[in-house]
Amino acid sequence: MQVKLELKIVSAENHTAPQRGQKEGQKEGQKELSPRQLEIIHLLENTPDATMPEIAEVMAITYRTVRRDMEYLKKSGIISREGGRKEGRWIINKF
């Protein structure tokens, strides 16, 4: 059995192929947002003072699901919290 090996050299400056599961133009390590996470962001655009229980009720999902998605959005730097739990508001940093 013979194996043919071809080597193709591509300049890193001119071509950066997306990693597996990564879309064109998407940064390495950055995941695509789910439709539910996008819905949370749009809800926060309209009502930045919404609480997690209120978001869960409006979207008809569990509090735990909202909390998990919001933690991901915070860690990604997409949203942040300004102020306290009761009188604070959500800020959308980048989208």
PDB file of N, CA and C in Angstrom:
ATOM      1  N   MET A   1       0.843  -1.178   0.000  1.00  0.00           N
ATOM      2  CA  MET A   1       0.000   0.000   0.000  1.00  0.00           C
ATOM      3  C   MET A   1       0.886   1.238   0.000  1.00  0.00           C
ATOM      4  N   GLN A   2       0.576   2.182  -0.862  1.00  0.00           N
ATOM      5  CA  GLN A   2       1.323   3.428  -0.929  1.00  0.00           C
ATOM      6  C   GLN A   2       0.423   4.579  -0.495  1.00  0.00           C
ATOM      7  N   VAL A   3       1.026   5.545   0.177  1.00  0.00           N
ATOM      8  CA  VAL A   3       0.292   6.721   0.639  1.00  0.00           C
ATOM      9  C   VAL A   3       0.911   7.935  -0.015  1.00  0.00           C
ATOM     10  N   LYS A   4       0.090   8.781  -0.582  1.00  0.00           N
ATOM     11  CA  LYS A   4       0.574   9.995  -1.213  1.00  0.00           C
ATOM     12  C   LYS A   4       0.303  11.151  -0.265  1.00  0.00           C
ATOM     13  N   LEU A   5       1.335  11.914   0.043  1.00  0.00           N
ATOM     14  CA  LEU A   5       1.219  13.041   0.963  1.00  0.00           C
ATOM     15  C   LEU A   5       1.480  14.316   0.200  1.00  0.00           C
ATOM     16  N   GLU A   6       0.551  15.246   0.273  1.00  0.00           N
ATOM     17  CA  GLU A   6       0.721  16.542  -0.372  1.00  0.00           C
ATOM     18  C   GLU A   6       0.796  17.600   0.705  1.00  0.00           C
ATOM     19  N   LEU A   7       1.694  18.544   0.516  1.00  0.00           N
ATOM     20  CA  LEU A   7       1.863  19.637   1.470  1.00  0.00           C
ATOM     21  C   LEU A   7       1.480  20.933   0.785  1.00  0.00           C
ATOM     22  N   LYS A   8       0.549  21.652   1.378  1.00  0.00           N
ATOM     23  CA  LYS A   8       0.106  22.925   0.825  1.00  0.00           C
ATOM     24  C   LYS A   8       0.449  24.010   1.835  1.00  0.00           C
ATOM     25  N   ILE A   9       1.232  24.985   1.425  1.00  0.00           N
ATOM     26  CA  ILE A   9       1.644  26.070   2.312  1.00  0.00           C
ATOM     27  C   ILE A   9       0.778  27.282   2.011  1.00  0.00           C
ATOM     28  N   VAL A  10       0.158  27.798   3.045  1.00  0.00           N
ATOM     29  CA  VAL A  10      -0.710  28.959   2.921  1.00  0.00           C
ATOM     30  C   VAL A  10      -0.194  30.011   3.878  1.00  0.00           C
ATOM     31  N   SER A  11      -0.080  31.223   3.409  1.00  0.00           N
ATOM     32  CA  SER A  11       0.381  32.320   4.253  1.00  0.00           C
ATOM     33  C   SER A  11      -0.665  32.626   5.311  1.00  0.00           C
ATOM     34  N   ALA A  12      -0.238  32.733   6.558  1.00  0.00           N
ATOM     35  CA  ALA A  12      -1.159  33.013   7.665  1.00  0.00           C
ATOM     36  C   ALA A  12      -1.710  34.419   7.582  1.00  0.00           C
ATOM     37  N   GLU A  13      -0.999  35.317   6.919  1.00  0.00           N
ATOM     38  CA  GLU A  13      -1.462  36.705   6.808  1.00  0.00           C
ATOM     39  C   GLU A  13      -2.634  36.834   5.849  1.00  0.00           C
ATOM     40  N   ASN A  14      -2.628  36.012   4.823  1.00  0.00           N
ATOM     41  CA  ASN A  14      -3.653  36.137   3.792  1.00  0.00           C
ATOM     42  C   ASN A  14      -4.870  35.255   4.020  1.00  0.00           C
ATOM     43  N   HIS A  15      -4.695  34.185   4.768  1.00  0.00           N
ATOM     44  CA  HIS A  15      -5.789  33.231   4.881  1.00  0.00           C
ATOM     45  C   HIS A  15      -5.826  32.674   6.293  1.00  0.00           C
ATOM     46  N   THR A  16      -6.954  32.846   6.930  1.00  0.00           N
ATOM     47  CA  THR A  16      -7.159  32.209   8.230  1.00  0.00           C
ATOM     48  C   THR A  16      -8.445  31.422   8.140  1.00  0.00           C
ATOM     49  N   ALA A  17      -8.322  30.140   8.071  1.00  0.00           N
ATOM     50  CA  ALA A  17      -9.499  29.274   7.957  1.00  0.00           C
ATOM     51  C   ALA A  17     -10.196  29.193   9.302  1.00  0.00           C
ATOM     52  N   PRO A  18     -11.521  29.236   9.318  1.00  0.00           N
ATOM     53  CA  PRO A  18     -12.238  29.094  10.586  1.00  0.00           C
ATOM     54  C   PRO A  18     -12.030  27.710  11.171  1.00  0.00           C
ATOM     55  N   GLN A  19     -11.974  27.646  12.476  1.00  0.00           N
ATOM     56  CA  GLN A  19     -11.829  26.381  13.179  1.00  0.00           C
ATOM     57  C   GLN A  19     -13.123  25.584  13.040  1.00  0.00           C
ATOM     58  N   ARG A  20     -13.055  24.314  13.392  1.00  0.00           N
ATOM     59  CA  ARG A  20     -14.238  23.458  13.329  1.00  0.00           C
ATOM     60  C   ARG A  20     -15.350  24.044  14.193  1.00  0.00           C
ATOM     61  N   GLY A  21     -16.533  24.179  13.640  1.00  0.00           N
ATOM     62  CA  GLY A  21     -17.678  24.717  14.370  1.00  0.00           C
ATOM     63  C   GLY A  21     -17.674  26.231  14.456  1.00  0.00           C
ATOM     64  N   GLN A  22     -16.712  26.869  13.800  1.00  0.00           N
ATOM     65  CA  GLN A  22     -16.593  28.319  13.853  1.00  0.00           C
ATOM     66  C   GLN A  22     -17.022  28.898  12.516  1.00  0.00           C
ATOM     67  N   LYS A  23     -17.766  29.990  12.545  1.00  0.00           N
ATOM     68  CA  LYS A  23     -18.220  30.599  11.313  1.00  0.00           C
ATOM     69  C   LYS A  23     -17.217  31.646  10.842  1.00  0.00           C
ATOM     70  N   GLU A  24     -17.279  31.967   9.561  1.00  0.00           N
ATOM     71  CA  GLU A  24     -16.397  32.965   8.970  1.00  0.00           C
ATOM     72  C   GLU A  24     -16.591  34.301   9.685  1.00  0.00           C
ATOM     73  N   GLY A  25     -15.499  34.961  10.060  1.00  0.00           N
ATOM     74  CA  GLY A  25     -15.567  36.245  10.744  1.00  0.00           C
ATOM     75  C   GLY A  25     -15.763  36.140  12.239  1.00  0.00           C
ATOM     76  N   GLN A  26     -15.943  34.952  12.762  1.00  0.00           N
ATOM     77  CA  GLN A  26     -16.147  34.748  14.190  1.00  0.00           C
ATOM     78  C   GLN A  26     -14.796  34.560  14.863  1.00  0.00           C
ATOM     79  N   LYS A  27     -14.565  35.220  15.997  1.00  0.00           N
ATOM     80  CA  LYS A  27     -13.296  35.123  16.701  1.00  0.00           C
ATOM     81  C   LYS A  27     -13.105  33.743  17.294  1.00  0.00           C
ATOM     82  N   GLU A  28     -11.828  33.357  17.423  1.00  0.00           N
ATOM     83  CA  GLU A  28     -11.515  32.054  17.998  1.00  0.00           C
ATOM     84  C   GLU A  28     -11.970  32.021  19.448  1.00  0.00           C
ATOM     85  N   GLY A  29     -12.613  30.948  19.855  1.00  0.00           N
ATOM     86  CA  GLY A  29     -13.103  30.811  21.220  1.00  0.00           C
ATOM     87  C   GLY A  29     -14.460  31.448  21.444  1.00  0.00           C
ATOM     88  N   GLN A  30     -14.977  32.177  20.471  1.00  0.00           N
ATOM     89  CA  GLN A  30     -16.264  32.848  20.609  1.00  0.00           C
ATOM     90  C   GLN A  30     -17.357  31.945  20.054  1.00  0.00           C
ATOM     91  N   LYS A  31     -18.368  31.688  20.864  1.00  0.00           N
ATOM     92  CA  LYS A  31     -19.469  30.848  20.414  1.00  0.00           C
ATOM     93  C   LYS A  31     -20.577  31.727  19.845  1.00  0.00           C
ATOM     94  N   GLU A  32     -21.349  31.132  18.971  1.00  0.00           N
ATOM     95  CA  GLU A  32     -22.506  31.827  18.431  1.00  0.00           C
ATOM     96  C   GLU A  32     -23.596  31.832  19.494  1.00  0.00           C
ATOM     97  N   LEU A  33     -24.335  32.923  19.583  1.00  0.00           N
ATOM     98  CA  LEU A  33     -25.400  33.019  20.573  1.00  0.00           C
ATOM     99  C   LEU A  33     -26.609  32.212  20.125  1.00  0.00           C
ATOM    100  N   SER A  34     -27.270  31.595  21.097  1.00  0.00           N
ATOM    101  CA  SER A  34     -28.470  30.819  20.804  1.00  0.00           C
ATOM    102  C   SER A  34     -29.654  31.775  20.593  1.00  0.00           C
ATOM    103  N   PRO A  35     -30.707  31.301  19.945  1.00  0.00           N
ATOM    104  CA  PRO A  35     -31.901  32.142  19.775  1.00  0.00           C
ATOM    105  C   PRO A  35     -32.459  32.615  21.126  1.00  0.00           C
ATOM    106  N   ARG A  36     -32.380  31.764  22.149  1.00  0.00           N
ATOM    107  CA  ARG A  36     -32.877  32.143  23.477  1.00  0.00           C
ATOM    108  C   ARG A  36     -32.033  33.278  24.062  1.00  0.00           C
ATOM    109  N   GLN A  37     -30.703  33.201  23.893  1.00  0.00           N
ATOM    110  CA  GLN A  37     -29.832  34.259  24.394  1.00  0.00           C
ATOM    111  C   GLN A  37     -30.078  35.568  23.648  1.00  0.00           C
ATOM    112  N   LEU A  38     -30.318  35.469  22.351  1.00  0.00           N
ATOM    113  CA  LEU A  38     -30.649  36.667  21.571  1.00  0.00           C
ATOM    114  C   LEU A  38     -31.963  37.275  22.047  1.00  0.00           C
ATOM    115  N   GLU A  39     -32.917  36.423  22.382  1.00  0.00           N
ATOM    116  CA  GLU A  39     -34.207  36.909  22.889  1.00  0.00           C
ATOM    117  C   GLU A  39     -34.028  37.620  24.231  1.00  0.00           C
ATOM    118  N   ILE A  40     -33.151  37.088  25.075  1.00  0.00           N
ATOM    119  CA  ILE A  40     -32.860  37.737  26.364  1.00  0.00           C
ATOM    120  C   ILE A  40     -32.263  39.117  26.124  1.00  0.00           C
ATOM    121  N   ILE A  41     -31.328  39.221  25.192  1.00  0.00           N
ATOM    122  CA  ILE A  41     -30.706  40.513  24.892  1.00  0.00           C
ATOM    123  C   ILE A  41     -31.742  41.505  24.402  1.00  0.00           C
ATOM    124  N   HIS A  42     -32.618  41.086  23.497  1.00  0.00           N
ATOM    125  CA  HIS A  42     -33.657  41.984  22.982  1.00  0.00           C
ATOM    126  C   HIS A  42     -34.623  42.398  24.093  1.00  0.00           C
ATOM    127  N   LEU A  43     -34.923  41.483  24.988  1.00  0.00           N
ATOM    128  CA  LEU A  43     -35.794  41.809  26.113  1.00  0.00           C
ATOM    129  C   LEU A  43     -35.125  42.854  27.011  1.00  0.00           C
ATOM    130  N   LEU A  44     -33.807  42.714  27.233  1.00  0.00           N
ATOM    131  CA  LEU A  44     -33.073  43.666  28.067  1.00  0.00           C
ATOM    132  C   LEU A  44     -32.935  45.030  27.403  1.00  0.00           C
ATOM    133  N   GLU A  45     -32.932  45.053  26.074  1.00  0.00           N
ATOM    134  CA  GLU A  45     -32.907  46.341  25.355  1.00  0.00           C
ATOM    135  C   GLU A  45     -34.163  47.144  25.666  1.00  0.00           C
ATOM    136  N   ASN A  46     -35.297  46.448  25.730  1.00  0.00           N
ATOM    137  CA  ASN A  46     -36.580  47.111  25.975  1.00  0.00           C
ATOM    138  C   ASN A  46     -36.836  47.382  27.454  1.00  0.00           C
ATOM    139  N   THR A  47     -36.390  46.473  28.326  1.00  0.00           N
ATOM    140  CA  THR A  47     -36.608  46.625  29.770  1.00  0.00           C
ATOM    141  C   THR A  47     -35.316  46.318  30.520  1.00  0.00           C
ATOM    142  N   PRO A  48     -34.386  47.282  30.572  1.00  0.00           N
ATOM    143  CA  PRO A  48     -33.090  47.032  31.204  1.00  0.00           C
ATOM    144  C   PRO A  48     -33.167  46.787  32.713  1.00  0.00           C
ATOM    145  N   ASP A  49     -34.274  47.127  33.340  1.00  0.00           N
ATOM    146  CA  ASP A  49     -34.397  46.912  34.779  1.00  0.00           C
ATOM    147  C   ASP A  49     -35.085  45.583  35.120  1.00  0.00           C
ATOM    148  N   ALA A  50     -35.271  44.718  34.124  1.00  0.00           N
ATOM    149  CA  ALA A  50     -35.930  43.423  34.346  1.00  0.00           C
ATOM    150  C   ALA A  50     -35.068  42.529  35.239  1.00  0.00           C
ATOM    151  N   THR A  51     -35.713  41.782  36.107  1.00  0.00           N
ATOM    152  CA  THR A  51     -35.020  40.826  36.961  1.00  0.00           C
ATOM    153  C   THR A  51     -35.014  39.457  36.285  1.00  0.00           C
ATOM    154  N   MET A  52     -34.158  38.570  36.753  1.00  0.00           N
ATOM    155  CA  MET A  52     -34.104  37.229  36.167  1.00  0.00           C
ATOM    156  C   MET A  52     -35.425  36.475  36.325  1.00  0.00           C
ATOM    157  N   PRO A  53     -36.093  36.537  37.492  1.00  0.00           N
ATOM    158  CA  PRO A  53     -37.393  35.876  37.594  1.00  0.00           C
ATOM    159  C   PRO A  53     -38.427  36.445  36.616  1.00  0.00           C
ATOM    160  N   GLU A  54     -38.386  37.761  36.392  1.00  0.00           N
ATOM    161  CA  GLU A  54     -39.309  38.376  35.434  1.00  0.00           C
ATOM    162  C   GLU A  54     -39.013  37.899  34.009  1.00  0.00           C
ATOM    163  N   ILE A  55     -37.738  37.815  33.671  1.00  0.00           N
ATOM    164  CA  ILE A  55     -37.352  37.331  32.340  1.00  0.00           C
ATOM    165  C   ILE A  55     -37.819  35.893  32.149  1.00  0.00           C
ATOM    166  N   ALA A  56     -37.629  35.072  33.186  1.00  0.00           N
ATOM    167  CA  ALA A  56     -38.053  33.665  33.120  1.00  0.00           C
ATOM    168  C   ALA A  56     -39.560  33.568  32.899  1.00  0.00           C
ATOM    169  N   GLU A  57     -40.315  34.403  33.579  1.00  0.00           N
ATOM    170  CA  GLU A  57     -41.772  34.371  33.448  1.00  0.00           C
ATOM    171  C   GLU A  57     -42.216  34.820  32.056  1.00  0.00           C
ATOM    172  N   VAL A  58     -41.633  35.912  31.568  1.00  0.00           N
ATOM    173  CA  VAL A  58     -42.003  36.435  30.250  1.00  0.00           C
ATOM    174  C   VAL A  58     -41.665  35.440  29.148  1.00  0.00           C
ATOM    175  N   MET A  59     -40.504  34.784  29.264  1.00  0.00           N
ATOM    176  CA  MET A  59     -40.060  33.861  28.224  1.00  0.00           C
ATOM    177  C   MET A  59     -40.582  32.443  28.420  1.00  0.00           C
ATOM    178  N   ALA A  60     -41.252  32.190  29.527  1.00  0.00           N
ATOM    179  CA  ALA A  60     -41.811  30.876  29.854  1.00  0.00           C
ATOM    180  C   ALA A  60     -40.716  29.806  29.909  1.00  0.00           C
ATOM    181  N   ILE A  61     -39.613  30.139  30.584  1.00  0.00           N
ATOM    182  CA  ILE A  61     -38.521  29.196  30.813  1.00  0.00           C
ATOM    183  C   ILE A  61     -38.168  29.248  32.291  1.00  0.00           C
ATOM    184  N   THR A  62     -37.344  28.326  32.745  1.00  0.00           N
ATOM    185  CA  THR A  62     -37.009  28.280  34.165  1.00  0.00           C
ATOM    186  C   THR A  62     -36.018  29.378  34.540  1.00  0.00           C
ATOM    187  N   TYR A  63     -36.050  29.730  35.817  1.00  0.00           N
ATOM    188  CA  TYR A  63     -35.113  30.713  36.352  1.00  0.00           C
ATOM    189  C   TYR A  63     -33.684  30.239  36.135  1.00  0.00           C
ATOM    190  N   ARG A  64     -33.434  28.952  36.332  1.00  0.00           N
ATOM    191  CA  ARG A  64     -32.090  28.394  36.190  1.00  0.00           C
ATOM    192  C   ARG A  64     -31.566  28.568  34.758  1.00  0.00           C
ATOM    193  N   THR A  65     -32.419  28.401  33.770  1.00  0.00           N
ATOM    194  CA  THR A  65     -32.024  28.577  32.378  1.00  0.00           C
ATOM    195  C   THR A  65     -31.652  30.029  32.108  1.00  0.00           C
ATOM    196  N   VAL A  66     -32.456  30.951  32.612  1.00  0.00           N
ATOM    197  CA  VAL A  66     -32.160  32.374  32.458  1.00  0.00           C
ATOM    198  C   VAL A  66     -30.835  32.698  33.134  1.00  0.00           C
ATOM    199  N   ARG A  67     -30.645  32.206  34.327  1.00  0.00           N
ATOM    200  CA  ARG A  67     -29.419  32.485  35.066  1.00  0.00           C
ATOM    201  C   ARG A  67     -28.185  31.963  34.313  1.00  0.00           C
ATOM    202  N   ARG A  68     -28.275  30.752  33.774  1.00  0.00           N
ATOM    203  CA  ARG A  68     -27.157  30.163  33.029  1.00  0.00           C
ATOM    204  C   ARG A  68     -26.844  31.001  31.786  1.00  0.00           C
ATOM    205  N   ASP A  69     -27.879  31.393  31.038  1.00  0.00           N
ATOM    206  CA  ASP A  69     -27.664  32.200  29.836  1.00  0.00           C
ATOM    207  C   ASP A  69     -27.111  33.578  30.181  1.00  0.00           C
ATOM    208  N   MET A  70     -27.612  34.177  31.238  1.00  0.00           N
ATOM    209  CA  MET A  70     -27.137  35.505  31.642  1.00  0.00           C
ATOM    210  C   MET A  70     -25.684  35.435  32.115  1.00  0.00           C
ATOM    211  N   GLU A  71     -25.305  34.376  32.804  1.00  0.00           N
ATOM    212  CA  GLU A  71     -23.911  34.206  33.236  1.00  0.00           C
ATOM    213  C   GLU A  71     -22.998  34.111  32.022  1.00  0.00           C
ATOM    214  N   TYR A  72     -23.434  33.356  31.008  1.00  0.00           N
ATOM    215  CA  TYR A  72     -22.639  33.242  29.785  1.00  0.00           C
ATOM    216  C   TYR A  72     -22.495  34.613  29.113  1.00  0.00           C
ATOM    217  N   LEU A  73     -23.595  35.355  29.026  1.00  0.00           N
ATOM    218  CA  LEU A  73     -23.564  36.670  28.399  1.00  0.00           C
ATOM    219  C   LEU A  73     -22.674  37.636  29.176  1.00  0.00           C
ATOM    220  N   LYS A  74     -22.685  37.533  30.515  1.00  0.00           N
ATOM    221  CA  LYS A  74     -21.811  38.380  31.332  1.00  0.00           C
ATOM    222  C   LYS A  74     -20.344  38.009  31.138  1.00  0.00           C
ATOM    223  N   LYS A  75     -20.037  36.714  31.165  1.00  0.00           N
ATOM    224  CA  LYS A  75     -18.651  36.264  30.984  1.00  0.00           C
ATOM    225  C   LYS A  75     -18.123  36.624  29.605  1.00  0.00           C
ATOM    226  N   SER A  76     -18.997  36.644  28.613  1.00  0.00           N
ATOM    227  CA  SER A  76     -18.612  37.002  27.250  1.00  0.00           C
ATOM    228  C   SER A  76     -18.446  38.507  27.075  1.00  0.00           C
ATOM    229  N   GLY A  77     -18.880  39.277  28.073  1.00  0.00           N
ATOM    230  CA  GLY A  77     -18.770  40.729  27.999  1.00  0.00           C
ATOM    231  C   GLY A  77     -19.871  41.382  27.197  1.00  0.00           C
ATOM    232  N   ILE A  78     -20.908  40.639  26.875  1.00  0.00           N
ATOM    233  CA  ILE A  78     -22.005  41.173  26.072  1.00  0.00           C
ATOM    234  C   ILE A  78     -22.918  42.049  26.925  1.00  0.00           C
ATOM    235  N   ILE A  79     -23.166  41.621  28.159  1.00  0.00           N
ATOM    236  CA  ILE A  79     -23.993  42.410  29.081  1.00  0.00           C
ATOM    237  C   ILE A  79     -23.241  42.596  30.391  1.00  0.00           C
ATOM    238  N   SER A  80     -23.663  43.589  31.146  1.00  0.00           N
ATOM    239  CA  SER A  80     -23.128  43.795  32.493  1.00  0.00           C
ATOM    240  C   SER A  80     -24.233  44.394  33.348  1.00  0.00           C
ATOM    241  N   ARG A  81     -24.020  44.361  34.636  1.00  0.00           N
ATOM    242  CA  ARG A  81     -25.020  44.861  35.579  1.00  0.00           C
ATOM    243  C   ARG A  81     -24.512  46.157  36.186  1.00  0.00           C
ATOM    244  N   GLU A  82     -25.358  47.160  36.219  1.00  0.00           N
ATOM    245  CA  GLU A  82     -25.033  48.441  36.832  1.00  0.00           C
ATOM    246  C   GLU A  82     -25.985  48.651  37.998  1.00  0.00           C
ATOM    247  N   GLY A  83     -25.452  48.837  39.181  1.00  0.00           N
ATOM    248  CA  GLY A  83     -26.296  49.020  40.348  1.00  0.00           C
ATOM    249  C   GLY A  83     -26.557  47.708  41.064  1.00  0.00           C
ATOM    250  N   GLY A  84     -27.438  47.766  42.038  1.00  0.00           N
ATOM    251  CA  GLY A  84     -27.729  46.609  42.871  1.00  0.00           C
ATOM    252  C   GLY A  84     -28.779  45.683  42.286  1.00  0.00           C
ATOM    253  N   ARG A  85     -29.108  44.650  43.076  1.00  0.00           N
ATOM    254  CA  ARG A  85     -30.099  43.672  42.622  1.00  0.00           C
ATOM    255  C   ARG A  85     -31.483  44.276  42.441  1.00  0.00           C
ATOM    256  N   LYS A  86     -31.887  45.114  43.366  1.00  0.00           N
ATOM    257  CA  LYS A  86     -33.256  45.627  43.326  1.00  0.00           C
ATOM    258  C   LYS A  86     -33.420  46.853  42.439  1.00  0.00           C
ATOM    259  N   GLU A  87     -32.458  47.739  42.453  1.00  0.00           N
ATOM    260  CA  GLU A  87     -32.624  48.982  41.700  1.00  0.00           C
ATOM    261  C   GLU A  87     -31.612  49.126  40.574  1.00  0.00           C
ATOM    262  N   GLY A  88     -30.944  48.038  40.208  1.00  0.00           N
ATOM    263  CA  GLY A  88     -29.953  48.080  39.142  1.00  0.00           C
ATOM    264  C   GLY A  88     -30.584  47.918  37.777  1.00  0.00           C
ATOM    265  N   ARG A  89     -29.716  47.936  36.771  1.00  0.00           N
ATOM    266  CA  ARG A  89     -30.182  47.768  35.399  1.00  0.00           C
ATOM    267  C   ARG A  89     -29.132  47.042  34.601  1.00  0.00           C
ATOM    268  N   TRP A  90     -29.546  46.376  33.535  1.00  0.00           N
ATOM    269  CA  TRP A  90     -28.649  45.640  32.656  1.00  0.00           C
ATOM    270  C   TRP A  90     -28.172  46.565  31.542  1.00  0.00           C
ATOM    271  N   ILE A  91     -26.876  46.501  31.262  1.00  0.00           N
ATOM    272  CA  ILE A  91     -26.266  47.275  30.210  1.00  0.00           C
ATOM    273  C   ILE A  91     -25.812  46.321  29.108  1.00  0.00           C
ATOM    274  N   ILE A  92     -26.144  46.613  27.874  1.00  0.00           N
ATOM    275  CA  ILE A  92     -25.686  45.809  26.746  1.00  0.00           C
ATOM    276  C   ILE A  92     -24.428  46.470  26.215  1.00  0.00           C
ATOM    277  N   ASN A  93     -23.281  45.812  26.402  1.00  0.00           N
ATOM    278  CA  ASN A  93     -21.982  46.363  26.052  1.00  0.00           C
ATOM    279  C   ASN A  93     -21.663  46.222  24.582  1.00  0.00           C
ATOM    280  N   LYS A  94     -21.821  45.039  24.053  1.00  0.00           N
ATOM    281  CA  LYS A  94     -21.537  44.781  22.643  1.00  0.00           C
ATOM    282  C   LYS A  94     -22.495  43.720  22.153  1.00  0.00           C
ATOM    283  N   PHE A  95     -22.820  43.829  20.880  1.00  0.00           N
ATOM    284  CA  PHE A  95     -23.769  42.867  20.338  1.00  0.00           C
ATOM    285  C   PHE A  95     -23.541  42.703  18.874  1.00  0.00           C
TER     286      PHE A  95
END
